[in-house]
Amino acid sequence: MNCDELVELVTAYLDGALSPEDERRVTDHLAECDGCTTYVAQFRTTVDSLGRLPAEQVADLPEQARESLLAAFRRKHV
């Protein structure tokens, strides 16, 4: 697995939605790649932080920011 492949699978990895083979490929890559390990940790922190925002705070985001976030999550879940 290379770094680009990991980026494509990161949300499924964090959701525990990968096949056992793909999960092993990701964990093997992470064991050898400090950059991707950092990326996954940052992605996990971002998802955890955004997931704890109260709905009213999310609703208060400017429309462009909210649409950008939603588009980014949609791209990762396709």
PDB file of N, CA and C in Angstrom:
ATOM      1  N   MET A   1       0.851  -1.174   0.000  1.00  0.00           N
ATOM      2  CA  MET A   1       0.000   0.000   0.000  1.00  0.00           C
ATOM      3  C   MET A   1       0.889   1.226   0.000  1.00  0.00           C
ATOM      4  N   ASN A   2       0.449   2.246  -0.739  1.00  0.00           N
ATOM      5  CA  ASN A   2       1.173   3.509  -0.711  1.00  0.00           C
ATOM      6  C   ASN A   2       0.339   4.565   0.021  1.00  0.00           C
ATOM      7  N   CYS A   3       0.895   5.733   0.184  1.00  0.00           N
ATOM      8  CA  CYS A   3       0.239   6.789   0.960  1.00  0.00           C
ATOM      9  C   CYS A   3      -1.086   7.238   0.337  1.00  0.00           C
ATOM     10  N   ASP A   4      -1.132   7.326  -0.990  1.00  0.00           N
ATOM     11  CA  ASP A   4      -2.375   7.728  -1.656  1.00  0.00           C
ATOM     12  C   ASP A   4      -3.493   6.731  -1.388  1.00  0.00           C
ATOM     13  N   GLU A   5      -3.173   5.448  -1.403  1.00  0.00           N
ATOM     14  CA  GLU A   5      -4.184   4.419  -1.118  1.00  0.00           C
ATOM     15  C   GLU A   5      -4.682   4.540   0.323  1.00  0.00           C
ATOM     16  N   LEU A   6      -3.774   4.808   1.243  1.00  0.00           N
ATOM     17  CA  LEU A   6      -4.182   4.963   2.638  1.00  0.00           C
ATOM     18  C   LEU A   6      -5.148   6.137   2.791  1.00  0.00           C
ATOM     19  N   VAL A   7      -4.856   7.252   2.145  1.00  0.00           N
ATOM     20  CA  VAL A   7      -5.725   8.427   2.235  1.00  0.00           C
ATOM     21  C   VAL A   7      -7.134   8.076   1.766  1.00  0.00           C
ATOM     22  N   GLU A   8      -7.252   7.250   0.736  1.00  0.00           N
ATOM     23  CA  GLU A   8      -8.560   6.851   0.219  1.00  0.00           C
ATOM     24  C   GLU A   8      -9.321   5.968   1.210  1.00  0.00           C
ATOM     25  N   LEU A   9      -8.605   5.263   2.067  1.00  0.00           N
ATOM     26  CA  LEU A   9      -9.230   4.303   2.977  1.00  0.00           C
ATOM     27  C   LEU A   9      -9.342   4.790   4.422  1.00  0.00           C
ATOM     28  N   VAL A  10      -8.841   5.980   4.714  1.00  0.00           N
ATOM     29  CA  VAL A  10      -8.724   6.397   6.111  1.00  0.00           C
ATOM     30  C   VAL A  10     -10.071   6.452   6.835  1.00  0.00           C
ATOM     31  N   THR A  11     -11.113   6.957   6.208  1.00  0.00           N
ATOM     32  CA  THR A  11     -12.396   7.031   6.924  1.00  0.00           C
ATOM     33  C   THR A  11     -12.954   5.643   7.194  1.00  0.00           C
ATOM     34  N   ALA A  12     -12.849   4.749   6.218  1.00  0.00           N
ATOM     35  CA  ALA A  12     -13.319   3.378   6.436  1.00  0.00           C
ATOM     36  C   ALA A  12     -12.481   2.699   7.518  1.00  0.00           C
ATOM     37  N   TYR A  13     -11.188   2.984   7.540  1.00  0.00           N
ATOM     38  CA  TYR A  13     -10.309   2.426   8.573  1.00  0.00           C
ATOM     39  C   TYR A  13     -10.741   2.896   9.961  1.00  0.00           C
ATOM     40  N   LEU A  14     -10.954   4.189  10.093  1.00  0.00           N
ATOM     41  CA  LEU A  14     -11.354   4.734  11.397  1.00  0.00           C
ATOM     42  C   LEU A  14     -12.745   4.278  11.806  1.00  0.00           C
ATOM     43  N   ASP A  15     -13.600   3.991  10.832  1.00  0.00           N
ATOM     44  CA  ASP A  15     -14.952   3.501  11.117  1.00  0.00           C
ATOM     45  C   ASP A  15     -14.981   2.000  11.381  1.00  0.00           C
ATOM     46  N   GLY A  16     -13.848   1.318  11.201  1.00  0.00           N
ATOM     47  CA  GLY A  16     -13.803  -0.127  11.374  1.00  0.00           C
ATOM     48  C   GLY A  16     -14.554  -0.858  10.271  1.00  0.00           C
ATOM     49  N   ALA A  17     -14.603  -0.260   9.080  1.00  0.00           N
ATOM     50  CA  ALA A  17     -15.412  -0.797   7.994  1.00  0.00           C
ATOM     51  C   ALA A  17     -14.587  -1.462   6.886  1.00  0.00           C
ATOM     52  N   LEU A  18     -13.308  -1.667   7.116  1.00  0.00           N
ATOM     53  CA  LEU A  18     -12.475  -2.311   6.098  1.00  0.00           C
ATOM     54  C   LEU A  18     -12.545  -3.827   6.215  1.00  0.00           C
ATOM     55  N   SER A  19     -12.286  -4.483   5.109  1.00  0.00           N
ATOM     56  CA  SER A  19     -12.136  -5.932   5.144  1.00  0.00           C
ATOM     57  C   SER A  19     -10.901  -6.246   5.986  1.00  0.00           C
ATOM     58  N   PRO A  20     -10.826  -7.453   6.535  1.00  0.00           N
ATOM     59  CA  PRO A  20      -9.625  -7.802   7.316  1.00  0.00           C
ATOM     60  C   PRO A  20      -8.340  -7.624   6.510  1.00  0.00           C
ATOM     61  N   GLU A  21      -8.374  -7.945   5.221  1.00  0.00           N
ATOM     62  CA  GLU A  21      -7.178  -7.800   4.387  1.00  0.00           C
ATOM     63  C   GLU A  21      -6.779  -6.331   4.237  1.00  0.00           C
ATOM     64  N   ASP A  22      -7.751  -5.466   3.952  1.00  0.00           N
ATOM     65  CA  ASP A  22      -7.435  -4.050   3.809  1.00  0.00           C
ATOM     66  C   ASP A  22      -6.998  -3.436   5.135  1.00  0.00           C
ATOM     67  N   GLU A  23      -7.613  -3.850   6.228  1.00  0.00           N
ATOM     68  CA  GLU A  23      -7.184  -3.337   7.530  1.00  0.00           C
ATOM     69  C   GLU A  23      -5.737  -3.725   7.819  1.00  0.00           C
ATOM     70  N   ARG A  24      -5.372  -4.943   7.476  1.00  0.00           N
ATOM     71  CA  ARG A  24      -3.986  -5.384   7.668  1.00  0.00           C
ATOM     72  C   ARG A  24      -3.036  -4.568   6.795  1.00  0.00           C
ATOM     73  N   ARG A  25      -3.436  -4.295   5.563  1.00  0.00           N
ATOM     74  CA  ARG A  25      -2.605  -3.493   4.672  1.00  0.00           C
ATOM     75  C   ARG A  25      -2.396  -2.088   5.236  1.00  0.00           C
ATOM     76  N   VAL A  26      -3.462  -1.502   5.789  1.00  0.00           N
ATOM     77  CA  VAL A  26      -3.349  -0.173   6.382  1.00  0.00           C
ATOM     78  C   VAL A  26      -2.434  -0.214   7.593  1.00  0.00           C
ATOM     79  N   THR A  27      -2.656  -1.153   8.492  1.00  0.00           N
ATOM     80  CA  THR A  27      -1.826  -1.209   9.697  1.00  0.00           C
ATOM     81  C   THR A  27      -0.366  -1.503   9.355  1.00  0.00           C
ATOM     82  N   ASP A  28      -0.131  -2.335   8.344  1.00  0.00           N
ATOM     83  CA  ASP A  28       1.250  -2.600   7.914  1.00  0.00           C
ATOM     84  C   ASP A  28       1.892  -1.313   7.383  1.00  0.00           C
ATOM     85  N   HIS A  29       1.136  -0.557   6.602  1.00  0.00           N
ATOM     86  CA  HIS A  29       1.662   0.696   6.070  1.00  0.00           C
ATOM     87  C   HIS A  29       1.948   1.681   7.203  1.00  0.00           C
ATOM     88  N   LEU A  30       1.019   1.789   8.131  1.00  0.00           N
ATOM     89  CA  LEU A  30       1.209   2.721   9.253  1.00  0.00           C
ATOM     90  C   LEU A  30       2.432   2.360  10.086  1.00  0.00           C
ATOM     91  N   ALA A  31       2.738   1.076  10.185  1.00  0.00           N
ATOM     92  CA  ALA A  31       3.912   0.645  10.951  1.00  0.00           C
ATOM     93  C   ALA A  31       5.211   1.124  10.313  1.00  0.00           C
ATOM     94  N   GLU A  32       5.162   1.451   9.010  1.00  0.00           N
ATOM     95  CA  GLU A  32       6.372   1.843   8.303  1.00  0.00           C
ATOM     96  C   GLU A  32       6.388   3.307   7.858  1.00  0.00           C
ATOM     97  N   CYS A  33       5.284   4.027   8.047  1.00  0.00           N
ATOM     98  CA  CYS A  33       5.197   5.375   7.485  1.00  0.00           C
ATOM     99  C   CYS A  33       4.790   6.387   8.553  1.00  0.00           C
ATOM    100  N   ASP A  34       5.761   7.150   9.028  1.00  0.00           N
ATOM    101  CA  ASP A  34       5.489   8.151  10.052  1.00  0.00           C
ATOM    102  C   ASP A  34       4.535   9.233   9.557  1.00  0.00           C
ATOM    103  N   GLY A  35       4.640   9.616   8.285  1.00  0.00           N
ATOM    104  CA  GLY A  35       3.772  10.648   7.734  1.00  0.00           C
ATOM    105  C   GLY A  35       2.309  10.233   7.759  1.00  0.00           C
ATOM    106  N   CYS A  36       2.024   9.011   7.357  1.00  0.00           N
ATOM    107  CA  CYS A  36       0.639   8.531   7.373  1.00  0.00           C
ATOM    108  C   CYS A  36       0.140   8.304   8.797  1.00  0.00           C
ATOM    109  N   THR A  37       1.033   7.883   9.680  1.00  0.00           N
ATOM    110  CA  THR A  37       0.642   7.724  11.081  1.00  0.00           C
ATOM    111  C   THR A  37       0.206   9.072  11.650  1.00  0.00           C
ATOM    112  N   THR A  38       0.937  10.113  11.334  1.00  0.00           N
ATOM    113  CA  THR A  38       0.574  11.464  11.768  1.00  0.00           C
ATOM    114  C   THR A  38      -0.745  11.894  11.132  1.00  0.00           C
ATOM    115  N   TYR A  39      -0.897  11.630   9.835  1.00  0.00           N
ATOM    116  CA  TYR A  39      -2.130  11.984   9.116  1.00  0.00           C
ATOM    117  C   TYR A  39      -3.350  11.317   9.753  1.00  0.00           C
ATOM    118  N   VAL A  40      -3.257  10.018  10.023  1.00  0.00           N
ATOM    119  CA  VAL A  40      -4.384   9.289  10.622  1.00  0.00           C
ATOM    120  C   VAL A  40      -4.697   9.843  12.005  1.00  0.00           C
ATOM    121  N   ALA A  41      -3.680  10.140  12.791  1.00  0.00           N
ATOM    122  CA  ALA A  41      -3.904  10.705  14.128  1.00  0.00           C
ATOM    123  C   ALA A  41      -4.591  12.067  14.032  1.00  0.00           C
ATOM    124  N   GLN A  42      -4.151  12.904  13.104  1.00  0.00           N
ATOM    125  CA  GLN A  42      -4.783  14.219  12.924  1.00  0.00           C
ATOM    126  C   GLN A  42      -6.210  14.086  12.423  1.00  0.00           C
ATOM    127  N   PHE A  43      -6.432  13.162  11.504  1.00  0.00           N
ATOM    128  CA  PHE A  43      -7.781  12.939  10.974  1.00  0.00           C
ATOM    129  C   PHE A  43      -8.709  12.461  12.086  1.00  0.00           C
ATOM    130  N   ARG A  44      -8.210  11.526  12.900  1.00  0.00           N
ATOM    131  CA  ARG A  44      -9.000  11.008  14.028  1.00  0.00           C
ATOM    132  C   ARG A  44      -9.356  12.136  15.005  1.00  0.00           C
ATOM    133  N   THR A  45      -8.398  12.988  15.314  1.00  0.00           N
ATOM    134  CA  THR A  45      -8.642  14.111  16.220  1.00  0.00           C
ATOM    135  C   THR A  45      -9.684  15.058  15.641  1.00  0.00           C
ATOM    136  N   THR A  46      -9.589  15.348  14.355  1.00  0.00           N
ATOM    137  CA  THR A  46     -10.553  16.242  13.701  1.00  0.00           C
ATOM    138  C   THR A  46     -11.952  15.658  13.744  1.00  0.00           C
ATOM    139  N   VAL A  47     -12.095  14.398  13.380  1.00  0.00           N
ATOM    140  CA  VAL A  47     -13.400  13.740  13.383  1.00  0.00           C
ATOM    141  C   VAL A  47     -13.970  13.709  14.796  1.00  0.00           C
ATOM    142  N   ASP A  48     -13.140  13.355  15.774  1.00  0.00           N
ATOM    143  CA  ASP A  48     -13.602  13.313  17.169  1.00  0.00           C
ATOM    144  C   ASP A  48     -14.042  14.688  17.647  1.00  0.00           C
ATOM    145  N   SER A  49     -13.274  15.706  17.315  1.00  0.00           N
ATOM    146  CA  SER A  49     -13.603  17.070  17.752  1.00  0.00           C
ATOM    147  C   SER A  49     -14.892  17.564  17.106  1.00  0.00           C
ATOM    148  N   LEU A  50     -15.024  17.366  15.815  1.00  0.00           N
ATOM    149  CA  LEU A  50     -16.239  17.815  15.123  1.00  0.00           C
ATOM    150  C   LEU A  50     -17.460  17.028  15.573  1.00  0.00           C
ATOM    151  N   GLY A  51     -17.256  15.772  15.889  1.00  0.00           N
ATOM    152  CA  GLY A  51     -18.367  14.936  16.336  1.00  0.00           C
ATOM    153  C   GLY A  51     -18.928  15.341  17.687  1.00  0.00           C
ATOM    154  N   ARG A  52     -18.152  16.080  18.466  1.00  0.00           N
ATOM    155  CA  ARG A  52     -18.612  16.521  19.784  1.00  0.00           C
ATOM    156  C   ARG A  52     -19.250  17.898  19.770  1.00  0.00           C
ATOM    157  N   LEU A  53     -19.241  18.544  18.620  1.00  0.00           N
ATOM    158  CA  LEU A  53     -19.862  19.874  18.548  1.00  0.00           C
ATOM    159  C   LEU A  53     -21.369  19.748  18.684  1.00  0.00           C
ATOM    160  N   PRO A  54     -21.961  20.588  19.511  1.00  0.00           N
ATOM    161  CA  PRO A  54     -23.417  20.596  19.600  1.00  0.00           C
ATOM    162  C   PRO A  54     -24.017  21.013  18.258  1.00  0.00           C
ATOM    163  N   ALA A  55     -25.181  20.491  17.928  1.00  0.00           N
ATOM    164  CA  ALA A  55     -25.829  20.757  16.644  1.00  0.00           C
ATOM    165  C   ALA A  55     -25.992  22.252  16.398  1.00  0.00           C
ATOM    166  N   GLU A  56     -26.282  23.013  17.454  1.00  0.00           N
ATOM    167  CA  GLU A  56     -26.487  24.454  17.256  1.00  0.00           C
ATOM    168  C   GLU A  56     -25.193  25.160  16.850  1.00  0.00           C
ATOM    169  N   GLN A  57     -24.044  24.656  17.297  1.00  0.00           N
ATOM    170  CA  GLN A  57     -22.784  25.251  16.869  1.00  0.00           C
ATOM    171  C   GLN A  57     -22.495  24.937  15.404  1.00  0.00           C
ATOM    172  N   VAL A  58     -22.833  23.718  14.997  1.00  0.00           N
ATOM    173  CA  VAL A  58     -22.659  23.362  13.596  1.00  0.00           C
ATOM    174  C   VAL A  58     -23.588  24.211  12.738  1.00  0.00           C
ATOM    175  N   ALA A  59     -24.791  24.423  13.215  1.00  0.00           N
ATOM    176  CA  ALA A  59     -25.755  25.239  12.474  1.00  0.00           C
ATOM    177  C   ALA A  59     -25.270  26.681  12.358  1.00  0.00           C
ATOM    178  N   ASP A  60     -24.471  27.152  13.311  1.00  0.00           N
ATOM    179  CA  ASP A  60     -23.964  28.528  13.292  1.00  0.00           C
ATOM    180  C   ASP A  60     -22.752  28.721  12.377  1.00  0.00           C
ATOM    181  N   LEU A  61     -22.216  27.623  11.834  1.00  0.00           N
ATOM    182  CA  LEU A  61     -21.091  27.766  10.909  1.00  0.00           C
ATOM    183  C   LEU A  61     -21.552  28.532   9.672  1.00  0.00           C
ATOM    184  N   PRO A  62     -20.678  29.349   9.115  1.00  0.00           N
ATOM    185  CA  PRO A  62     -21.044  29.999   7.857  1.00  0.00           C
ATOM    186  C   PRO A  62     -21.401  28.943   6.810  1.00  0.00           C
ATOM    187  N   GLU A  63     -22.349  29.264   5.953  1.00  0.00           N
ATOM    188  CA  GLU A  63     -22.837  28.309   4.946  1.00  0.00           C
ATOM    189  C   GLU A  63     -21.691  27.709   4.125  1.00  0.00           C
ATOM    190  N   GLN A  64     -20.747  28.529   3.701  1.00  0.00           N
ATOM    191  CA  GLN A  64     -19.638  28.032   2.883  1.00  0.00           C
ATOM    192  C   GLN A  64     -18.787  27.025   3.661  1.00  0.00           C
ATOM    193  N   ALA A  65     -18.525  27.301   4.924  1.00  0.00           N
ATOM    194  CA  ALA A  65     -17.728  26.379   5.745  1.00  0.00           C
ATOM    195  C   ALA A  65     -18.470  25.067   5.946  1.00  0.00           C
ATOM    196  N   ARG A  66     -19.761  25.147   6.247  1.00  0.00           N
ATOM    197  CA  ARG A  66     -20.561  23.936   6.459  1.00  0.00           C
ATOM    198  C   ARG A  66     -20.595  23.100   5.181  1.00  0.00           C
ATOM    199  N   GLU A  67     -20.809  23.736   4.035  1.00  0.00           N
ATOM    200  CA  GLU A  67     -20.857  23.014   2.761  1.00  0.00           C
ATOM    201  C   GLU A  67     -19.506  22.392   2.423  1.00  0.00           C
ATOM    202  N   SER A  68     -18.428  23.088   2.733  1.00  0.00           N
ATOM    203  CA  SER A  68     -17.089  22.540   2.479  1.00  0.00           C
ATOM    204  C   SER A  68     -16.836  21.304   3.329  1.00  0.00           C
ATOM    205  N   LEU A  69     -17.206  21.361   4.605  1.00  0.00           N
ATOM    206  CA  LEU A  69     -17.043  20.196   5.474  1.00  0.00           C
ATOM    207  C   LEU A  69     -17.890  19.024   4.998  1.00  0.00           C
ATOM    208  N   LEU A  70     -19.145  19.287   4.679  1.00  0.00           N
ATOM    209  CA  LEU A  70     -20.017  18.216   4.210  1.00  0.00           C
ATOM    210  C   LEU A  70     -19.493  17.603   2.915  1.00  0.00           C
ATOM    211  N   ALA A  71     -19.008  18.427   2.004  1.00  0.00           N
ATOM    212  CA  ALA A  71     -18.468  17.921   0.744  1.00  0.00           C
ATOM    213  C   ALA A  71     -17.238  17.042   0.998  1.00  0.00           C
ATOM    214  N   ALA A  72     -16.392  17.462   1.926  1.00  0.00           N
ATOM    215  CA  ALA A  72     -15.190  16.674   2.239  1.00  0.00           C
ATOM    216  C   ALA A  72     -15.567  15.309   2.811  1.00  0.00           C
ATOM    217  N   PHE A  73     -16.540  15.273   3.716  1.00  0.00           N
ATOM    218  CA  PHE A  73     -16.959  13.998   4.292  1.00  0.00           C
ATOM    219  C   PHE A  73     -17.650  13.131   3.250  1.00  0.00           C
ATOM    220  N   ARG A  74     -18.432  13.722   2.363  1.00  0.00           N
ATOM    221  CA  ARG A  74     -19.084  12.957   1.307  1.00  0.00           C
ATOM    222  C   ARG A  74     -18.042  12.309   0.391  1.00  0.00           C
ATOM    223  N   ARG A  75     -17.022  13.064   0.018  1.00  0.00           N
ATOM    224  CA  ARG A  75     -15.971  12.520  -0.851  1.00  0.00           C
ATOM    225  C   ARG A  75     -15.277  11.335  -0.191  1.00  0.00           C
ATOM    226  N   LYS A  76     -15.063  11.415   1.100  1.00  0.00           N
ATOM    227  CA  LYS A  76     -14.357  10.340   1.803  1.00  0.00           C
ATOM    228  C   LYS A  76     -15.226   9.106   1.996  1.00  0.00           C
ATOM    229  N   HIS A  77     -16.539   9.267   1.958  1.00  0.00           N
ATOM    230  CA  HIS A  77     -17.425   8.119   2.187  1.00  0.00           C
ATOM    231  C   HIS A  77     -17.951   7.515   0.895  1.00  0.00           C
ATOM    232  N   VAL A  78     -17.465   8.008  -0.249  1.00  0.00           N
ATOM    233  CA  VAL A  78     -17.920   7.448  -1.528  1.00  0.00           C
ATOM    234  C   VAL A  78     -17.108   6.243  -1.877  1.00  0.00           C
TER     235      VAL A  78
END
